[in-house]
N, C-alpha and C. Protein backbone atom coordinates (compact mmCIF):
# COMPACT_ATOMS: atom_id res chain seq x y z
N MET A 1 0.73 -0.86 -0.11
CA MET A 1 0.02 0.17 -0.04
C MET A 1 1.03 0.85 0.28
N GLN A 2 0.79 2.20 -0.75
CA GLN A 2 1.76 3.52 -0.89
C GLN A 2 1.28 4.04 -0.30
N THR A 3 2.07 4.80 0.94
CA THR A 3 1.91 6.18 1.92
C THR A 3 1.45 7.22 1.32
N ARG A 4 0.22 8.08 1.60
CA ARG A 4 0.22 8.91 1.31
C ARG A 4 1.31 10.06 1.76
N ARG A 5 1.52 10.89 0.83
CA ARG A 5 2.51 12.52 1.04
C ARG A 5 1.77 13.50 1.50
N LEU A 6 2.05 13.87 2.57
CA LEU A 6 1.13 15.30 3.39
C LEU A 6 1.94 16.33 2.51
N SER A 7 0.63 17.01 2.22
CA SER A 7 0.63 18.28 1.70
C SER A 7 1.01 19.44 2.74
N PRO A 8 1.64 20.46 2.22
CA PRO A 8 1.76 21.68 3.65
C PRO A 8 0.39 21.84 4.06
N LEU A 9 -0.75 21.76 3.58
CA LEU A 9 -2.02 21.87 3.94
C LEU A 9 -2.72 20.94 5.29
N ASP A 10 -2.07 19.67 4.89
CA ASP A 10 -2.10 18.06 5.56
C ASP A 10 -1.23 18.61 6.98
N ARG A 11 -0.22 19.01 6.65
CA ARG A 11 0.52 19.03 7.92
C ARG A 11 0.31 20.55 8.58
N TRP A 12 -0.12 21.32 8.20
CA TRP A 12 -0.55 22.86 8.67
C TRP A 12 -1.92 22.23 10.20
N ILE A 13 -2.71 21.09 9.28
CA ILE A 13 -4.17 20.44 9.85
C ILE A 13 -3.65 19.77 11.11
N ASP A 14 -2.23 18.95 10.68
CA ASP A 14 -2.21 17.74 11.68
C ASP A 14 -1.74 18.63 12.99
N THR A 15 -0.81 19.85 12.97
CA THR A 15 -0.12 20.89 13.49
C THR A 15 -0.99 21.25 14.38
N ALA A 16 -2.64 21.93 14.03
CA ALA A 16 -3.30 22.44 14.54
C ALA A 16 -4.22 21.50 15.57
N GLN A 17 -3.93 20.19 15.13
CA GLN A 17 -5.27 19.25 15.81
C GLN A 17 -4.09 18.95 17.01
N ARG A 18 -3.09 18.85 16.87
CA ARG A 18 -2.22 18.47 17.85
C ARG A 18 -2.43 19.42 19.12
N ALA A 19 -2.40 20.56 18.65
CA ALA A 19 -2.60 21.91 19.27
C ALA A 19 -3.75 21.70 20.18
N LEU A 20 -4.85 21.59 20.00
CA LEU A 20 -6.12 21.55 20.20
C LEU A 20 -6.26 20.29 21.29
N GLU A 21 -5.77 19.17 21.01
CA GLU A 21 -5.79 18.09 21.31
C GLU A 21 -4.93 18.22 22.89
N THR A 22 -4.19 18.84 22.79
CA THR A 22 -3.08 19.35 23.89
C THR A 22 -3.16 19.98 25.24
N VAL A 23 -4.22 20.62 24.52
CA VAL A 23 -4.61 22.69 25.03
C VAL A 23 -5.71 22.03 25.83
N ALA A 24 -6.72 21.34 24.87
CA ALA A 24 -8.52 21.65 25.17
C ALA A 24 -8.62 20.32 25.31
N GLY A 25 -7.87 19.11 24.91
CA GLY A 25 -8.69 17.57 24.94
C GLY A 25 -7.65 16.69 26.16
N ASP A 26 -7.97 15.90 26.11
CA ASP A 26 -7.68 14.64 26.91
C ASP A 26 -6.98 13.85 25.81
N PRO A 27 -5.64 13.66 25.60
CA PRO A 27 -4.84 13.06 24.83
C PRO A 27 -4.64 11.65 25.67
N PRO A 28 -4.76 10.37 24.89
CA PRO A 28 -4.76 9.20 26.02
C PRO A 28 -3.39 9.22 25.92
N ALA A 29 -2.84 8.13 26.88
CA ALA A 29 -1.26 7.50 27.27
C ALA A 29 -1.46 6.06 26.59
N LEU A 30 -0.45 6.18 25.82
CA LEU A 30 -0.04 4.55 25.61
C LEU A 30 0.47 3.59 26.30
N ARG A 31 1.20 4.14 27.84
CA ARG A 31 1.60 3.07 28.48
C ARG A 31 0.65 3.31 29.47
N ALA A 32 0.75 2.52 30.52
CA ALA A 32 -0.06 2.11 31.59
C ALA A 32 0.24 3.45 32.81
N ASN A 33 -0.73 3.70 33.66
CA ASN A 33 -0.18 4.92 34.09
C ASN A 33 0.91 4.54 35.68
N PRO A 34 1.83 5.04 35.70
CA PRO A 34 2.85 3.92 36.62
C PRO A 34 2.13 4.18 38.21
N SER A 35 1.24 4.93 38.32
CA SER A 35 0.86 5.24 39.80
C SER A 35 -0.47 4.19 40.45
N GLU A 36 -0.39 3.45 38.98
CA GLU A 36 -1.85 2.25 39.05
C GLU A 36 -1.51 1.79 40.14
N HIS A 37 -0.43 0.91 40.66
CA HIS A 37 -0.29 0.32 41.65
C HIS A 37 0.03 0.52 43.04
N HIS A 38 -0.15 2.15 43.00
CA HIS A 38 0.41 2.81 44.51
C HIS A 38 -1.22 3.12 45.35
N ALA A 39 -1.25 2.86 46.42
CA ALA A 39 -2.56 3.09 46.76
C ALA A 39 -2.69 4.75 46.89
N ASP A 40 -3.94 5.31 46.76
CA ASP A 40 -4.10 7.01 47.05
C ASP A 40 -4.31 7.01 48.09
N ILE A 41 -3.39 7.54 48.89
CA ILE A 41 -3.47 7.80 50.46
C ILE A 41 -4.01 9.00 50.71
N VAL A 42 -4.85 9.70 51.51
CA VAL A 42 -5.34 10.58 51.75
C VAL A 42 -4.17 11.76 52.39
N LEU A 43 -4.47 13.30 51.26
CA LEU A 43 -3.12 14.44 51.79
C LEU A 43 -4.15 15.06 52.73
N ASP A 44 -3.84 15.73 53.51
CA ASP A 44 -4.39 16.96 54.42
C ASP A 44 -4.04 18.09 53.08
N ASP A 45 -5.18 18.78 53.62
CA ASP A 45 -5.72 19.96 52.71
C ASP A 45 -4.07 20.56 52.38
N ALA A 46 -3.27 21.10 53.29
CA ALA A 46 -2.13 21.60 52.77
C ALA A 46 -0.87 20.88 51.91
N GLU A 47 -1.01 19.65 52.05
CA GLU A 47 -0.51 18.73 51.23
C GLU A 47 -0.98 18.49 49.59
N ARG A 48 -2.66 18.65 49.89
CA ARG A 48 -3.01 18.41 48.61
C ARG A 48 -2.54 19.17 48.02
N ARG A 49 -2.53 20.33 48.47
CA ARG A 49 -2.33 22.00 47.53
C ARG A 49 -1.12 21.72 47.12
N HIS A 50 -0.11 21.94 47.46
CA HIS A 50 1.25 21.68 47.15
C HIS A 50 1.56 20.59 46.44
N ALA A 51 1.05 19.15 46.26
CA ALA A 51 1.29 18.15 45.14
C ALA A 51 0.22 18.55 44.34
N ALA A 52 -0.74 19.35 44.04
CA ALA A 52 -1.47 19.58 42.92
C ALA A 52 -0.67 20.95 42.33
N GLY A 53 -0.34 21.62 42.78
CA GLY A 53 0.61 22.95 42.48
C GLY A 53 2.09 22.54 41.71
N LEU A 54 2.78 21.29 42.35
CA LEU A 54 3.68 20.41 41.50
C LEU A 54 3.28 19.86 40.53
N MET A 55 2.57 19.28 40.61
CA MET A 55 1.64 18.49 39.55
C MET A 55 1.64 19.51 38.03
N ARG A 56 0.55 20.63 38.52
CA ARG A 56 0.41 21.32 37.70
C ARG A 56 1.06 22.14 36.79
N ILE A 57 2.65 22.44 37.58
CA ILE A 57 3.76 22.81 36.84
C ILE A 57 4.41 21.47 35.73
N ASN A 58 4.54 20.10 36.11
CA ASN A 58 4.99 19.04 35.32
C ASN A 58 3.59 19.04 34.18
N HIS A 59 2.61 19.34 34.54
CA HIS A 59 1.60 19.24 33.08
C HIS A 59 1.66 19.91 32.46
N VAL A 60 2.24 21.30 32.53
CA VAL A 60 2.54 22.43 31.95
C VAL A 60 3.67 22.29 30.97
N GLY A 61 4.73 21.53 31.90
CA GLY A 61 5.80 21.12 31.17
C GLY A 61 6.07 20.68 30.61
N GLU A 62 4.57 18.93 30.17
CA GLU A 62 4.43 18.28 29.02
C GLU A 62 3.38 19.21 28.42
N VAL A 63 2.87 20.34 28.49
CA VAL A 63 2.08 21.03 27.38
C VAL A 63 3.45 21.84 26.66
N CYS A 64 4.42 22.27 27.10
CA CYS A 64 5.70 22.98 26.58
C CYS A 64 6.32 22.10 25.92
N ALA A 65 6.14 20.57 26.25
CA ALA A 65 7.36 20.12 25.48
C ALA A 65 6.67 19.54 24.11
N GLN A 66 5.57 19.13 24.47
CA GLN A 66 4.40 18.81 23.59
C GLN A 66 5.12 19.84 21.97
N ALA A 67 4.76 21.21 22.31
CA ALA A 67 4.79 22.30 21.63
C ALA A 67 6.00 22.76 20.93
N LEU A 68 7.13 22.47 21.86
CA LEU A 68 8.43 22.36 21.08
C LEU A 68 8.68 21.32 20.18
N TYR A 69 8.81 20.17 20.74
CA TYR A 69 8.88 19.00 19.78
C TYR A 69 7.89 18.87 18.65
N VAL A 70 6.81 19.19 18.29
CA VAL A 70 6.18 19.51 17.08
C VAL A 70 6.33 21.02 16.60
N GLY A 71 6.96 22.04 16.96
CA GLY A 71 7.73 22.75 16.58
C GLY A 71 8.85 22.70 15.63
N GLN A 72 9.77 21.79 16.85
CA GLN A 72 10.93 21.53 15.92
C GLN A 72 10.67 20.55 14.66
N ALA A 73 9.89 19.51 14.96
CA ALA A 73 9.69 18.27 13.77
C ALA A 73 9.03 19.49 12.74
N SER A 74 8.30 20.12 12.89
CA SER A 74 7.62 20.64 11.55
C SER A 74 8.64 21.47 10.36
N VAL A 75 9.87 21.80 11.18
CA VAL A 75 10.74 22.42 10.22
C VAL A 75 12.27 21.63 10.27
N ALA A 76 12.75 20.35 10.59
CA ALA A 76 13.60 19.29 10.94
C ALA A 76 14.20 19.22 9.14
N ARG A 77 15.14 18.93 8.70
CA ARG A 77 15.52 18.97 7.52
C ARG A 77 15.69 17.35 7.54
N ASP A 78 16.23 16.63 8.00
CA ASP A 78 16.29 15.03 8.28
C ASP A 78 15.34 14.34 8.98
N ALA A 79 15.18 13.29 8.11
CA ALA A 79 13.36 12.62 8.12
C ALA A 79 13.78 11.60 9.62
N ARG A 80 15.46 11.72 10.07
CA ARG A 80 15.45 10.64 11.06
C ARG A 80 15.60 11.78 12.32
N THR A 81 15.81 12.90 12.26
CA THR A 81 15.46 14.08 13.37
C THR A 81 14.38 14.17 14.01
N ARG A 82 13.26 14.15 12.64
CA ARG A 82 11.84 14.77 12.72
C ARG A 82 11.29 13.59 13.28
N ASP A 83 11.77 12.35 12.88
CA ASP A 83 11.27 10.62 13.58
C ASP A 83 11.42 10.91 15.03
N HIS A 84 12.95 11.14 15.38
CA HIS A 84 12.91 11.56 16.92
C HIS A 84 12.43 12.05 17.56
N LEU A 85 11.70 13.67 17.02
CA LEU A 85 11.12 14.60 17.75
C LEU A 85 9.68 14.17 17.92
N LEU A 86 9.19 13.70 17.19
CA LEU A 86 7.94 12.89 17.24
C LEU A 86 7.58 11.84 18.01
N HIS A 87 8.79 10.68 18.17
CA HIS A 87 9.06 9.45 19.11
C HIS A 87 8.83 10.36 20.43
N ALA A 88 9.63 11.28 20.76
CA ALA A 88 9.78 12.01 21.55
C ALA A 88 8.51 12.60 21.90
N ALA A 89 7.74 13.27 21.42
CA ALA A 89 6.90 13.78 21.54
C ALA A 89 5.39 12.45 22.11
N GLN A 90 5.33 11.91 21.56
CA GLN A 90 4.29 10.74 21.82
C GLN A 90 5.09 10.31 23.37
N GLU A 91 5.78 10.13 23.87
CA GLU A 91 6.08 9.64 25.11
C GLU A 91 5.71 10.99 25.75
N GLU A 92 6.02 12.27 25.39
CA GLU A 92 5.56 13.37 26.54
C GLU A 92 4.23 13.26 26.45
N THR A 93 3.36 12.85 25.53
CA THR A 93 1.76 12.52 25.64
C THR A 93 1.42 11.68 26.98
N ASP A 94 2.11 10.77 27.16
CA ASP A 94 2.29 9.86 28.07
C ASP A 94 1.95 10.29 29.22
N HIS A 95 3.08 11.35 29.62
CA HIS A 95 3.40 12.31 30.64
C HIS A 95 2.22 13.29 31.25
N LEU A 96 1.66 13.89 29.77
CA LEU A 96 0.48 15.08 29.90
C LEU A 96 -0.45 14.20 30.24
N ALA A 97 -1.02 13.09 30.15
CA ALA A 97 -1.84 12.24 30.21
C ALA A 97 -1.95 11.70 31.98
N TRP A 98 -0.75 11.07 32.06
CA TRP A 98 -0.41 10.88 33.80
C TRP A 98 -0.79 12.09 34.20
N CYS A 99 -0.08 13.02 34.22
CA CYS A 99 -0.14 14.29 35.59
C CYS A 99 -1.96 14.48 35.33
N ALA A 100 -2.13 14.92 33.87
CA ALA A 100 -3.76 15.39 33.95
C ALA A 100 -4.87 14.25 35.04
N GLU A 101 -4.18 13.46 34.89
CA GLU A 101 -5.04 11.88 35.82
C GLU A 101 -4.97 12.28 37.34
N ARG A 102 -3.56 12.66 37.55
CA ARG A 102 -3.64 13.45 39.22
C ARG A 102 -3.90 13.94 39.47
N LEU A 103 -3.73 15.51 38.64
CA LEU A 103 -4.64 16.72 38.86
C LEU A 103 -5.96 16.06 39.24
N ARG A 104 -6.87 15.53 38.10
CA ARG A 104 -7.83 14.83 39.03
C ARG A 104 -8.04 14.31 40.00
N GLU A 105 -7.22 13.29 40.54
CA GLU A 105 -7.11 12.84 41.59
C GLU A 105 -6.88 13.59 42.72
N LEU A 106 -6.38 14.82 42.84
CA LEU A 106 -5.89 15.66 43.90
C LEU A 106 -7.22 16.92 43.72
N ASP A 107 -7.95 16.89 42.99
CA ASP A 107 -9.32 17.62 43.13
C ASP A 107 -8.69 18.82 42.38
N SER A 108 -7.87 19.00 41.47
CA SER A 108 -7.21 20.29 40.95
C SER A 108 -7.26 20.36 39.28
N LYS A 109 -6.83 21.17 38.76
CA LYS A 109 -7.15 21.36 37.38
C LYS A 109 -5.89 21.56 36.54
N PRO A 110 -5.56 21.65 35.37
CA PRO A 110 -4.65 21.95 34.95
C PRO A 110 -4.35 23.67 34.74
N SER A 111 -3.51 23.95 34.32
CA SER A 111 -2.81 25.88 34.09
C SER A 111 -4.42 26.17 33.12
N LEU A 112 -4.65 27.18 33.43
CA LEU A 112 -5.39 28.11 32.81
C LEU A 112 -4.98 28.82 31.66
N LEU A 113 -3.48 29.13 31.67
CA LEU A 113 -2.92 29.70 30.54
C LEU A 113 -2.06 28.50 30.07
N ASN A 114 -2.62 27.51 29.49
CA ASN A 114 -2.05 26.48 28.81
C ASN A 114 -1.81 27.07 27.12
N PRO A 115 -3.10 27.53 26.84
CA PRO A 115 -2.91 27.74 25.30
C PRO A 115 -1.90 28.65 24.75
N LEU A 116 -1.38 30.15 26.09
CA LEU A 116 -0.33 30.85 26.20
C LEU A 116 1.34 29.87 26.51
N TRP A 117 1.31 29.15 27.61
CA TRP A 117 2.13 28.24 26.90
C TRP A 117 2.98 27.51 25.94
N TYR A 118 1.74 26.88 25.43
CA TYR A 118 1.91 26.13 24.38
C TYR A 118 2.10 27.00 23.18
N ALA A 119 1.83 28.20 22.78
CA ALA A 119 1.90 29.24 21.71
C ALA A 119 3.57 29.15 21.59
N GLY A 120 3.70 29.85 22.81
CA GLY A 120 5.49 30.33 23.37
C GLY A 120 6.20 29.86 23.09
N SER A 121 6.27 27.91 23.38
CA SER A 121 6.81 27.18 23.33
C SER A 121 7.01 26.76 21.58
N TYR A 122 5.88 26.59 20.77
CA TYR A 122 5.93 26.22 19.87
C TYR A 122 6.63 27.05 19.02
N ALA A 123 6.89 28.73 19.41
CA ALA A 123 7.09 29.50 18.55
C ALA A 123 8.87 29.33 19.03
N ILE A 124 9.21 28.87 20.34
CA ILE A 124 10.71 28.68 20.43
C ILE A 124 11.16 27.83 19.71
N GLY A 125 10.09 26.25 19.65
CA GLY A 125 10.72 25.21 18.70
C GLY A 125 11.02 25.50 17.23
N LEU A 126 9.91 26.02 16.40
CA LEU A 126 9.99 26.75 15.33
C LEU A 126 11.41 27.55 15.09
N ALA A 127 11.69 28.26 15.89
CA ALA A 127 12.82 28.76 16.08
C ALA A 127 14.56 28.26 16.01
N ALA A 128 14.54 27.13 17.66
CA ALA A 128 15.49 26.68 17.53
C ALA A 128 15.61 25.48 15.93
N GLY A 129 14.36 25.12 15.36
CA GLY A 129 14.27 24.04 14.37
C GLY A 129 15.06 24.56 13.08
N LEU A 130 14.67 26.25 12.69
CA LEU A 130 15.16 26.95 11.67
C LEU A 130 16.51 26.65 11.54
N ARG A 131 17.24 26.83 12.91
CA ARG A 131 18.84 26.71 13.03
C ARG A 131 19.45 25.50 12.41
N GLY A 132 18.86 24.48 12.13
CA GLY A 132 19.63 23.07 11.96
C GLY A 132 19.28 22.01 12.87
N ASP A 133 19.69 21.18 12.20
CA ASP A 133 19.15 19.96 12.84
C ASP A 133 19.96 19.75 14.08
N GLY A 134 21.16 20.14 13.82
CA GLY A 134 22.27 19.81 15.05
C GLY A 134 21.86 20.52 16.13
N TRP A 135 21.62 22.10 16.19
CA TRP A 135 21.12 22.62 16.85
C TRP A 135 19.43 22.27 17.76
N ASN A 136 19.15 22.09 16.44
CA ASN A 136 17.72 21.27 17.31
C ASN A 136 17.51 19.90 17.87
N LEU A 137 18.78 19.29 17.88
CA LEU A 137 18.74 18.61 18.78
C LEU A 137 19.19 19.04 20.37
N GLY A 138 20.23 19.86 19.94
CA GLY A 138 20.97 20.44 21.14
C GLY A 138 20.10 21.39 22.21
N PHE A 139 18.89 21.61 21.49
CA PHE A 139 18.30 22.26 22.22
C PHE A 139 16.77 21.17 22.57
N VAL A 140 16.65 20.18 22.45
CA VAL A 140 16.32 18.78 22.94
C VAL A 140 16.68 18.26 24.40
N VAL A 141 18.54 18.34 23.78
CA VAL A 141 19.51 17.93 25.41
C VAL A 141 19.21 19.09 26.28
N GLU A 142 19.47 20.32 26.21
CA GLU A 142 18.86 20.95 27.47
C GLU A 142 17.86 21.58 27.69
N THR A 143 16.72 21.38 27.02
CA THR A 143 15.28 21.36 27.83
C THR A 143 15.40 19.87 28.45
N GLU A 144 15.47 18.88 28.25
CA GLU A 144 15.73 18.11 28.65
C GLU A 144 16.41 17.83 30.13
N ARG A 145 17.53 18.16 30.06
CA ARG A 145 18.04 18.07 31.35
C ARG A 145 17.67 19.41 32.38
N GLN A 146 17.17 20.38 31.74
CA GLN A 146 16.79 21.12 32.80
C GLN A 146 15.20 20.65 33.23
N VAL A 147 14.62 19.64 32.23
CA VAL A 147 13.68 18.65 33.32
C VAL A 147 13.53 17.79 34.16
N GLU A 148 14.90 17.68 33.99
CA GLU A 148 15.54 16.28 34.81
C GLU A 148 15.58 17.01 36.23
N ALA A 149 16.04 18.50 36.20
CA ALA A 149 16.75 19.13 37.32
C ALA A 149 15.35 19.55 38.17
N HIS A 150 14.63 19.70 37.43
CA HIS A 150 13.41 20.28 37.87
C HIS A 150 12.44 19.12 38.71
N ILE A 151 12.35 17.84 38.02
CA ILE A 151 11.34 16.99 38.70
C ILE A 151 12.33 16.48 39.92
N ASP A 152 13.56 16.65 39.91
CA ASP A 152 14.58 16.30 41.11
C ASP A 152 14.12 17.05 42.30
N GLU A 153 13.88 18.16 42.13
CA GLU A 153 13.42 19.51 42.99
C GLU A 153 11.86 18.81 43.86
N HIS A 154 11.00 18.40 42.48
CA HIS A 154 9.74 17.95 42.58
C HIS A 154 9.29 16.69 44.00
N LEU A 155 10.86 15.70 44.03
CA LEU A 155 10.34 14.66 44.37
C LEU A 155 10.77 14.68 45.51
N SER A 156 12.02 15.80 45.77
CA SER A 156 12.28 16.32 47.30
C SER A 156 11.41 17.07 47.80
N SER A 157 10.41 17.76 47.07
CA SER A 157 9.16 18.62 47.63
C SER A 157 7.72 17.62 48.03
N LEU A 158 7.54 16.76 47.12
CA LEU A 158 6.60 16.11 47.25
C LEU A 158 6.05 15.93 48.87
N PRO A 159 4.84 15.54 49.46
CA PRO A 159 4.89 14.96 50.56
C PRO A 159 4.92 13.53 50.61
N PRO A 160 5.74 12.93 51.46
CA PRO A 160 6.04 11.63 51.36
C PRO A 160 4.90 10.84 51.53
N ALA A 161 4.03 11.07 51.56
CA ALA A 161 2.66 10.22 51.76
C ALA A 161 2.34 10.13 49.79
N ASP A 162 2.64 11.12 49.19
CA ASP A 162 2.14 11.30 48.01
C ASP A 162 2.79 10.15 47.38
N VAL A 163 2.56 8.87 46.89
CA VAL A 163 3.58 7.81 46.30
C VAL A 163 3.01 7.57 45.10
N ARG A 164 1.55 8.29 45.14
CA ARG A 164 1.40 8.32 43.07
C ARG A 164 1.82 9.12 42.39
N SER A 165 2.05 10.41 42.56
CA SER A 165 2.74 11.37 41.83
C SER A 165 4.22 11.13 42.08
N ARG A 166 4.57 10.63 43.00
CA ARG A 166 6.50 10.37 43.06
C ARG A 166 6.53 9.49 41.77
N ALA A 167 5.51 8.25 41.70
CA ALA A 167 5.66 7.23 40.74
C ALA A 167 5.57 7.85 39.43
N ILE A 168 5.07 9.13 39.23
CA ILE A 168 4.80 9.16 38.09
C ILE A 168 6.46 10.05 37.55
N LEU A 169 6.53 10.79 38.47
CA LEU A 169 7.75 11.39 38.34
C LEU A 169 8.52 10.91 37.88
N GLU A 170 8.94 9.50 38.80
CA GLU A 170 10.04 8.82 38.61
C GLU A 170 10.21 8.30 37.05
N VAL A 171 9.22 8.25 36.85
CA VAL A 171 9.22 7.22 35.14
C VAL A 171 9.53 8.69 34.06
N MET A 172 8.80 9.48 34.33
CA MET A 172 9.08 10.70 33.63
C MET A 172 10.60 11.02 33.46
N LYS A 173 11.22 11.29 34.26
CA LYS A 173 12.63 11.84 34.84
C LYS A 173 13.56 10.62 34.16
N ASP A 174 13.16 9.40 34.19
CA ASP A 174 13.98 8.34 32.90
C ASP A 174 13.39 8.52 31.57
N ASP A 175 12.34 8.93 31.60
CA ASP A 175 12.42 9.19 30.08
C ASP A 175 12.77 10.28 29.71
N GLU A 176 13.15 11.56 30.09
CA GLU A 176 13.42 12.50 29.74
C GLU A 176 15.13 12.42 29.37
N ALA A 177 15.47 11.80 30.78
CA ALA A 177 17.62 11.67 30.38
C ALA A 177 17.47 10.96 29.46
N ARG A 178 16.54 9.60 28.55
CA ARG A 178 16.56 8.79 27.64
C ARG A 178 16.66 9.79 26.43
N HIS A 179 15.87 10.64 26.67
CA HIS A 179 15.26 11.60 25.40
C HIS A 179 16.79 12.35 24.95
N ALA A 180 17.02 12.97 26.28
CA ALA A 180 18.47 13.76 26.25
C ALA A 180 19.71 13.15 25.70
N ASP A 181 19.79 11.85 26.20
CA ASP A 181 21.09 10.75 25.98
C ASP A 181 20.85 10.30 24.06
N ASN A 182 19.45 10.08 24.04
CA ASN A 182 19.26 9.83 22.30
C ASN A 182 19.88 11.14 21.51
N ALA A 183 19.48 12.09 21.86
CA ALA A 183 19.82 13.46 20.97
C ALA A 183 21.21 13.64 20.90
N GLU A 184 21.81 13.37 22.09
CA GLU A 184 23.13 13.58 22.13
C GLU A 184 23.88 12.33 21.50
N ALA A 185 23.39 11.27 21.03
CA ALA A 185 23.92 10.01 20.36
C ALA A 185 23.68 10.16 18.69
N ALA A 186 22.30 11.61 18.38
CA ALA A 186 22.27 11.37 17.39
C ALA A 186 23.00 12.89 16.68
N GLY A 187 23.92 13.58 17.31
CA GLY A 187 24.38 14.65 16.74
C GLY A 187 24.28 15.77 17.51
N ALA A 188 23.67 15.97 18.52
CA ALA A 188 23.13 17.38 19.09
C ALA A 188 24.37 18.07 19.40
N ARG A 189 24.06 19.79 18.88
CA ARG A 189 25.16 20.62 19.54
C ARG A 189 25.27 21.03 20.85
N VAL A 190 25.90 21.23 21.28
CA VAL A 190 26.03 22.20 22.96
C VAL A 190 25.91 23.71 22.37
N LEU A 191 24.52 24.03 22.87
CA LEU A 191 24.19 25.45 22.97
C LEU A 191 24.94 26.45 23.55
N PRO A 192 25.19 27.67 23.07
CA PRO A 192 26.42 28.30 23.57
C PRO A 192 25.42 29.49 24.44
N MET A 193 26.07 30.12 25.17
CA MET A 193 25.54 31.01 26.66
C MET A 193 25.09 32.12 25.35
N PRO A 194 24.67 32.56 25.77
CA PRO A 194 23.56 32.90 27.14
C PRO A 194 22.34 31.43 26.81
N ILE A 195 22.35 31.13 26.14
CA ILE A 195 21.03 30.27 25.46
C ILE A 195 20.23 29.71 26.71
N PRO A 196 21.50 28.83 27.27
CA PRO A 196 20.98 27.84 28.38
C PRO A 196 19.87 28.71 29.83
N GLN A 197 20.93 29.51 30.02
CA GLN A 197 20.62 30.77 31.27
C GLN A 197 19.03 31.29 30.70
N LEU A 198 18.73 31.97 29.71
CA LEU A 198 17.72 32.23 29.17
C LEU A 198 16.58 31.30 29.17
N MET A 199 16.69 30.05 28.89
CA MET A 199 16.03 28.72 28.81
C MET A 199 15.66 28.62 30.32
N ALA A 200 16.31 28.70 31.39
CA ALA A 200 16.69 28.30 32.46
C ALA A 200 15.40 29.46 33.49
N ALA A 201 15.73 30.62 32.93
CA ALA A 201 15.24 32.07 33.57
C ALA A 201 13.24 31.58 33.08
N ALA A 202 13.22 31.30 32.03
CA ALA A 202 11.62 31.29 31.69
C ALA A 202 11.27 30.08 31.82
N SER A 203 11.83 29.00 32.42
CA SER A 203 10.92 27.69 32.97
C SER A 203 10.73 28.23 34.31
N LYS A 204 11.83 28.74 34.75
CA LYS A 204 11.72 29.69 36.76
C LYS A 204 10.12 30.49 36.58
N VAL A 205 9.95 31.21 35.63
CA VAL A 205 8.52 31.94 35.41
C VAL A 205 7.61 31.04 35.47
N MET A 206 7.61 30.14 34.51
CA MET A 206 7.03 29.21 34.13
C MET A 206 6.07 28.37 35.75
N LYS A 207 7.13 27.94 36.40
CA LYS A 207 7.20 27.55 37.26
C LYS A 207 6.33 28.24 38.37
N THR A 208 6.60 29.53 38.59
CA THR A 208 6.23 29.89 39.52
C THR A 208 4.67 30.42 39.42
N VAL A 209 4.21 30.65 38.32
CA VAL A 209 2.79 30.92 37.81
C VAL A 209 2.05 29.83 37.53
N ALA A 210 2.65 28.72 37.09
CA ALA A 210 1.82 27.61 36.87
C ALA A 210 1.53 26.87 38.31
N TYR A 211 2.63 26.92 39.48
CA TYR A 211 1.92 26.40 40.72
C TYR A 211 0.77 26.81 41.01
N ARG A 212 0.66 28.03 40.46
CA ARG A 212 -0.85 28.99 41.70
C ARG A 212 -2.16 28.99 40.12
N VAL A 213 -1.80 28.56 39.27
CA VAL A 213 -2.26 29.31 38.34
C VAL A 213 -2.87 28.46 36.77
């Protein structure tokens, strides 16, 4: 059976659909939720609010990751780079679904600013991708290393009783490390200063806002 070649309009429609599913939909995970075998221990109000704030940050991070990878893939010059980005995006969809499910369990909701987070991250992904595939992959490495670091912070900050959130974050951390390692092996270039510093500053703003809104 011959594979249909996508036109620019087809690609635009696919990109728009991905954006709507990420921001307003409930995309399903392909893998089982890592928390499913852990009891949902009742947290007090302060613990629940804090855990929800952390998981909302992680949910926003996955919204941003979707936008970044889709934006980068849309302008990737090499098919292998594009496939690498889209495969990583699918695993980030799993993370998105797991975080959304945990937020519901904590009687909370995703960030109200998700459309803004998505749009900004998609624009950054496009800009990174237009620099070429080596820089494209370098952006993946830096992004994932910074995500690993903030997941470590959240694992330290989560209420000890919140084993369900912890199980999700531990799998997410392993996935992010693998994405970075794969990008390095595929020929990622090291991003020059001050790009990593600017990325860290933008991430700090996002985390501060998303914890509450």
